[in-house]
Amino acid sequence: MGLPEVVSREEWLEARRNLLEQEKAHTRASDALNAERRRLPMVRIEKEYIFEGPEGKLTLKDLFGASSQLVIQHVMFGPDWEAPCPSCSGAIRLMTPALFRGLEGRNTTFVLSSRAPYDKIAKAMEEHGWEVPWYSSYGSDFNFDFDVSYDEAAETPLLYNYREEPWLRGDNAPSEMPGMSFFLRDQDGAAYHTYSSFARGVEYAAGPLYPILDLTALGRSEDWEEPKGRAETPLPADPTFGA
């Protein structure tokens, strides 16, 4: 287990100030990237997607509620699955009612969606004691159109993270993948798709867990991190963000 070098307080302060300059540059670069993300064009949603929740049948526009923005986390939970995937479940456990209320205070509704029928979703929430706005897209094209569910018989390319991936076909090919999709509603009530993110782009869904660990000396203790040898028993990436 390779721990950080031990130095004097003065040497540590010098190294820390040097790192601070890099952190400030990273923050400025992140702000610039966020601005470019907001400049992306958007696509009007023409298809009517139907979801099911505790209120019954709802359209995509209904999911906005009173907000102008809608964020949907695609939770991996297929129609024939008995439970949601462990990684998605780990993220859900960190979600609190305060998170959803806080986003609503910024004109943004955040919901979860899966292709499992709603009775399975309701059962999972009851078993785990989760209080989250979670809807079923069962029977609609929603997951397929937003590249998080896959039909191996489809003739069109199967995409994940905007790339055609050969591992989406064949033995052991996944039927569901994680992601987040973002929508905007204009003053006339039309809904638009503004952004989707996959792979490591869904780390935000895990709340403060990863950002806090990234500030520690041992990091996430996962096998891909640098410097190597920090973790006594390195873990595989959870969830797997390799795609």
Protein backbone atom coordinates (compact mmCIF):
# COMPACT_ATOMS: atom_id res chain seq x y z
CA MET A 1 0.00 0.00 0.00
CA GLY A 2 1.81 3.14 -1.22
CA LEU A 3 0.90 6.12 0.93
CA PRO A 4 1.76 9.77 0.14
CA GLU A 5 5.26 11.03 0.87
CA VAL A 6 5.77 12.46 4.35
CA VAL A 7 7.15 16.03 4.30
CA SER A 8 7.35 19.12 6.52
CA ARG A 9 4.41 21.50 6.87
CA GLU A 10 6.26 24.11 4.80
CA GLU A 11 6.91 21.65 1.96
CA TRP A 12 3.28 20.53 2.08
CA LEU A 13 2.04 24.14 1.81
CA GLU A 14 4.21 24.76 -1.24
CA ALA A 15 2.90 21.62 -2.95
CA ARG A 16 -0.67 22.52 -1.95
CA ARG A 17 -0.41 26.03 -3.42
CA ASN A 18 0.91 24.59 -6.66
CA LEU A 19 -2.02 22.20 -6.82
CA LEU A 20 -4.42 25.07 -6.06
CA GLU A 21 -3.41 26.77 -9.30
CA GLN A 22 -4.26 23.58 -11.19
CA GLU A 23 -7.58 23.32 -9.34
CA LYS A 24 -8.50 26.88 -10.28
CA ALA A 25 -7.68 26.16 -13.94
CA HIS A 26 -9.82 23.02 -13.75
CA THR A 27 -12.73 25.00 -12.29
CA ARG A 28 -12.49 27.61 -15.04
CA ALA A 29 -12.32 24.87 -17.69
CA SER A 30 -15.34 23.16 -16.12
CA ASP A 31 -17.32 26.42 -16.19
CA ALA A 32 -16.44 26.88 -19.85
CA LEU A 33 -17.51 23.31 -20.64
CA ASN A 34 -20.82 23.84 -18.83
CA ALA A 35 -21.39 26.97 -20.92
CA GLU A 36 -20.79 24.98 -24.13
CA ARG A 37 -23.25 22.37 -22.88
CA ARG A 38 -25.88 25.08 -22.43
CA ARG A 39 -25.19 26.26 -26.00
CA LEU A 40 -26.08 22.87 -27.47
CA PRO A 41 -29.07 22.97 -29.85
CA MET A 42 -32.17 20.98 -28.92
CA VAL A 43 -34.58 18.58 -30.61
CA ARG A 44 -38.35 18.88 -30.34
CA ILE A 45 -40.05 15.76 -28.96
CA GLU A 46 -42.71 14.77 -31.47
CA LYS A 47 -43.48 11.25 -30.22
CA GLU A 48 -45.85 10.82 -27.29
CA TYR A 49 -44.21 8.66 -24.66
CA ILE A 50 -46.42 7.11 -21.98
CA PHE A 51 -45.18 6.42 -18.45
CA GLU A 52 -46.87 4.88 -15.44
CA GLY A 53 -46.49 5.96 -11.84
CA PRO A 54 -48.52 6.14 -8.65
CA GLU A 55 -50.80 8.69 -10.37
CA GLY A 56 -51.49 6.31 -13.26
CA LYS A 57 -50.63 6.98 -16.91
CA LEU A 58 -48.60 10.11 -17.69
CA THR A 59 -46.98 11.63 -20.77
CA LEU A 60 -43.44 12.98 -20.91
CA LYS A 61 -44.87 16.50 -20.65
CA ASP A 62 -46.76 15.49 -17.51
CA LEU A 63 -43.50 14.50 -15.84
CA PHE A 64 -42.33 18.13 -15.92
CA GLY A 65 -44.95 19.06 -13.33
CA ALA A 66 -44.75 22.82 -12.80
CA SER A 67 -41.09 23.04 -13.91
CA SER A 68 -39.59 24.12 -17.20
CA GLN A 69 -36.80 21.54 -17.00
CA LEU A 70 -36.96 17.77 -16.59
CA VAL A 71 -34.10 15.42 -15.72
CA ILE A 72 -34.65 11.68 -16.14
CA GLN A 73 -32.24 9.16 -14.69
CA HIS A 74 -32.43 5.92 -16.66
CA VAL A 75 -32.31 3.20 -14.00
CA MET A 76 -31.30 -0.26 -15.23
CA PHE A 77 -34.35 -2.39 -14.44
CA GLY A 78 -35.62 -4.50 -17.36
CA PRO A 79 -39.16 -5.87 -17.69
CA ASP A 80 -38.02 -9.42 -16.92
CA TRP A 81 -35.71 -8.44 -14.03
CA GLU A 82 -36.69 -9.07 -10.44
CA ALA A 83 -34.70 -6.12 -9.06
CA PRO A 84 -32.88 -3.01 -10.31
CA CYS A 85 -29.15 -3.24 -10.93
CA PRO A 86 -26.91 -2.94 -7.82
CA SER A 87 -25.05 0.16 -9.07
CA CYS A 88 -28.26 2.06 -9.81
CA SER A 89 -29.61 0.94 -6.44
CA GLY A 90 -26.53 2.36 -4.74
CA ALA A 91 -27.22 5.74 -6.32
CA ILE A 92 -30.90 5.65 -5.35
CA ARG A 93 -30.00 4.99 -1.71
CA LEU A 94 -28.21 8.36 -1.63
CA MET A 95 -31.21 10.30 -2.93
CA THR A 96 -33.34 12.18 -0.41
CA PRO A 97 -36.59 14.13 -0.70
CA ALA A 98 -34.52 17.28 -0.11
CA LEU A 99 -32.66 16.68 -3.39
CA PHE A 100 -35.87 16.62 -5.42
CA ARG A 101 -37.29 19.65 -3.57
CA GLY A 102 -34.06 21.57 -4.07
CA LEU A 103 -34.12 20.98 -7.83
CA GLU A 104 -37.77 21.97 -8.01
CA GLY A 105 -36.77 25.23 -6.35
CA ARG A 106 -34.56 25.81 -9.39
CA ASN A 107 -37.39 25.12 -11.86
CA THR A 108 -36.19 21.56 -12.50
CA THR A 109 -37.99 18.27 -11.92
CA PHE A 110 -35.87 15.15 -11.41
CA VAL A 111 -37.40 11.69 -11.85
CA LEU A 112 -36.24 8.11 -12.35
CA SER A 113 -37.44 5.89 -15.17
CA SER A 114 -37.11 2.20 -15.95
CA ARG A 115 -38.56 -0.22 -18.47
CA ALA A 116 -39.78 -2.56 -15.72
CA PRO A 117 -43.57 -2.49 -15.19
CA TYR A 118 -44.63 -0.11 -12.44
CA ASP A 119 -45.72 -2.86 -10.05
CA LYS A 120 -42.11 -4.11 -9.96
CA ILE A 121 -40.83 -0.57 -9.40
CA ALA A 122 -43.33 0.00 -6.58
CA LYS A 123 -42.31 -3.31 -4.99
CA ALA A 124 -38.62 -2.39 -5.12
CA MET A 125 -39.28 1.01 -3.55
CA GLU A 126 -41.34 -0.56 -0.77
CA GLU A 127 -38.76 -3.25 -0.05
CA HIS A 128 -35.92 -0.70 0.22
CA GLY A 129 -37.89 2.14 1.80
CA TRP A 130 -37.04 4.47 -1.07
CA GLU A 131 -39.01 7.70 -1.51
CA VAL A 132 -38.19 8.69 -5.07
CA PRO A 133 -40.32 9.77 -8.09
CA TRP A 134 -39.83 6.64 -10.21
CA TYR A 135 -41.85 5.89 -13.36
CA SER A 136 -42.19 2.96 -15.73
CA SER A 137 -41.72 3.40 -19.47
CA TYR A 138 -42.87 -0.17 -20.09
CA GLY A 139 -44.47 -0.64 -23.50
CA SER A 140 -43.10 2.60 -24.97
CA ASP A 141 -40.12 3.30 -27.21
CA PHE A 142 -38.63 5.77 -24.73
CA ASN A 143 -35.65 3.71 -23.53
CA PHE A 144 -34.85 2.49 -27.03
CA ASP A 145 -35.06 5.98 -28.54
CA PHE A 146 -32.69 7.33 -25.88
CA ASP A 147 -30.18 4.48 -26.24
CA VAL A 148 -30.42 2.86 -22.82
CA SER A 149 -32.37 -0.30 -23.78
CA TYR A 150 -31.50 -2.68 -26.59
CA ASP A 151 -33.24 -5.12 -28.90
CA GLU A 152 -30.59 -7.34 -30.42
CA ALA A 153 -32.88 -8.06 -33.37
CA ALA A 154 -32.97 -4.38 -34.33
CA GLU A 155 -31.53 -3.65 -37.77
CA THR A 156 -30.39 -0.15 -36.83
CA PRO A 157 -27.00 0.35 -35.10
CA LEU A 158 -27.05 -0.11 -31.33
CA LEU A 159 -25.45 2.92 -29.71
CA TYR A 160 -24.15 3.67 -26.26
CA ASN A 161 -22.53 6.98 -25.40
CA TYR A 162 -23.04 8.05 -29.03
CA ARG A 163 -20.95 5.21 -30.44
CA GLU A 164 -21.90 1.95 -32.11
CA GLU A 165 -20.71 -0.76 -29.74
CA PRO A 166 -20.23 -4.39 -30.85
CA TRP A 167 -20.71 -5.68 -27.29
CA LEU A 168 -24.39 -4.68 -27.45
CA ARG A 169 -25.00 -7.77 -29.57
CA GLY A 170 -24.25 -11.42 -28.97
CA ASP A 171 -23.91 -13.61 -25.91
CA ASN A 172 -24.04 -11.75 -22.59
CA ALA A 173 -25.01 -8.48 -24.32
CA PRO A 174 -26.74 -6.11 -21.88
CA SER A 175 -30.38 -5.26 -22.42
CA GLU A 176 -30.21 -2.12 -20.26
CA MET A 177 -27.58 0.57 -19.64
CA PRO A 178 -27.46 3.63 -17.35
CA GLY A 179 -27.78 7.22 -18.43
CA MET A 180 -29.41 10.59 -17.78
CA SER A 181 -31.51 12.63 -20.21
CA PHE A 182 -32.46 16.28 -19.96
CA PHE A 183 -35.47 18.10 -21.37
CA LEU A 184 -36.77 21.65 -21.63
CA ARG A 185 -40.33 22.92 -22.01
CA ASP A 186 -41.01 26.24 -23.71
CA GLN A 187 -43.76 28.75 -22.94
CA ASP A 188 -46.05 27.10 -25.48
CA GLY A 189 -45.73 23.74 -23.73
CA ALA A 190 -43.56 22.00 -26.35
CA ALA A 191 -40.92 19.63 -24.95
CA TYR A 192 -37.35 19.42 -26.25
CA HIS A 193 -34.43 17.07 -25.69
CA THR A 194 -31.38 19.15 -24.76
CA TYR A 195 -28.78 16.68 -23.50
CA SER A 196 -28.08 13.08 -22.52
CA SER A 197 -25.07 11.67 -20.71
CA PHE A 198 -23.84 8.12 -20.22
CA ALA A 199 -20.92 6.14 -18.77
CA ARG A 200 -19.00 8.39 -16.32
CA GLY A 201 -21.40 11.20 -17.14
CA VAL A 202 -23.89 9.66 -14.70
CA GLU A 203 -21.58 10.04 -11.70
CA TYR A 204 -23.64 13.07 -10.69
CA ALA A 205 -26.52 10.70 -9.96
CA ALA A 206 -24.51 9.23 -7.08
CA GLY A 207 -24.72 12.54 -5.23
CA PRO A 208 -21.67 13.70 -3.27
CA LEU A 209 -20.17 10.22 -2.89
CA TYR A 210 -17.59 10.35 -5.69
CA PRO A 211 -16.71 14.07 -5.39
CA ILE A 212 -15.93 13.55 -1.69
CA LEU A 213 -13.85 10.43 -2.31
CA ASP A 214 -11.95 12.21 -5.10
CA LEU A 215 -10.64 14.68 -2.50
CA THR A 216 -9.16 11.95 -0.28
CA ALA A 217 -5.65 10.46 -0.36
CA LEU A 218 -6.99 6.98 -1.17
CA GLY A 219 -9.52 8.23 -3.72
CA ARG A 220 -12.23 5.78 -4.71
CA SER A 221 -9.86 2.86 -4.09
CA GLU A 222 -10.65 1.61 -7.60
CA ASP A 223 -8.18 -0.22 -9.80
CA TRP A 224 -8.08 2.38 -12.62
CA GLU A 225 -6.97 5.31 -10.46
CA GLU A 226 -3.56 6.96 -10.27
CA PRO A 227 -1.25 6.77 -8.46
CA LYS A 228 -1.33 2.98 -8.37
CA GLY A 229 -0.87 1.10 -5.14
CA ARG A 230 -2.79 3.46 -2.85
CA ALA A 231 -5.59 1.03 -2.07
CA GLU A 232 -4.65 -2.12 -0.16
CA THR A 233 -7.34 -4.05 -2.05
CA PRO A 234 -8.31 -2.09 -5.19
CA LEU A 235 -11.93 -2.35 -6.24
CA PRO A 236 -13.27 -2.49 -9.80
CA ALA A 237 -15.07 0.65 -10.95
CA ASP A 238 -18.59 0.71 -9.51
CA PRO A 239 -20.54 1.36 -11.56
CA THR A 240 -18.45 0.39 -14.58
CA PHE A 241 -17.72 3.59 -16.50
CA GLY A 242 -15.45 2.11 -19.13
CA ALA A 243 -17.81 2.62 -22.07
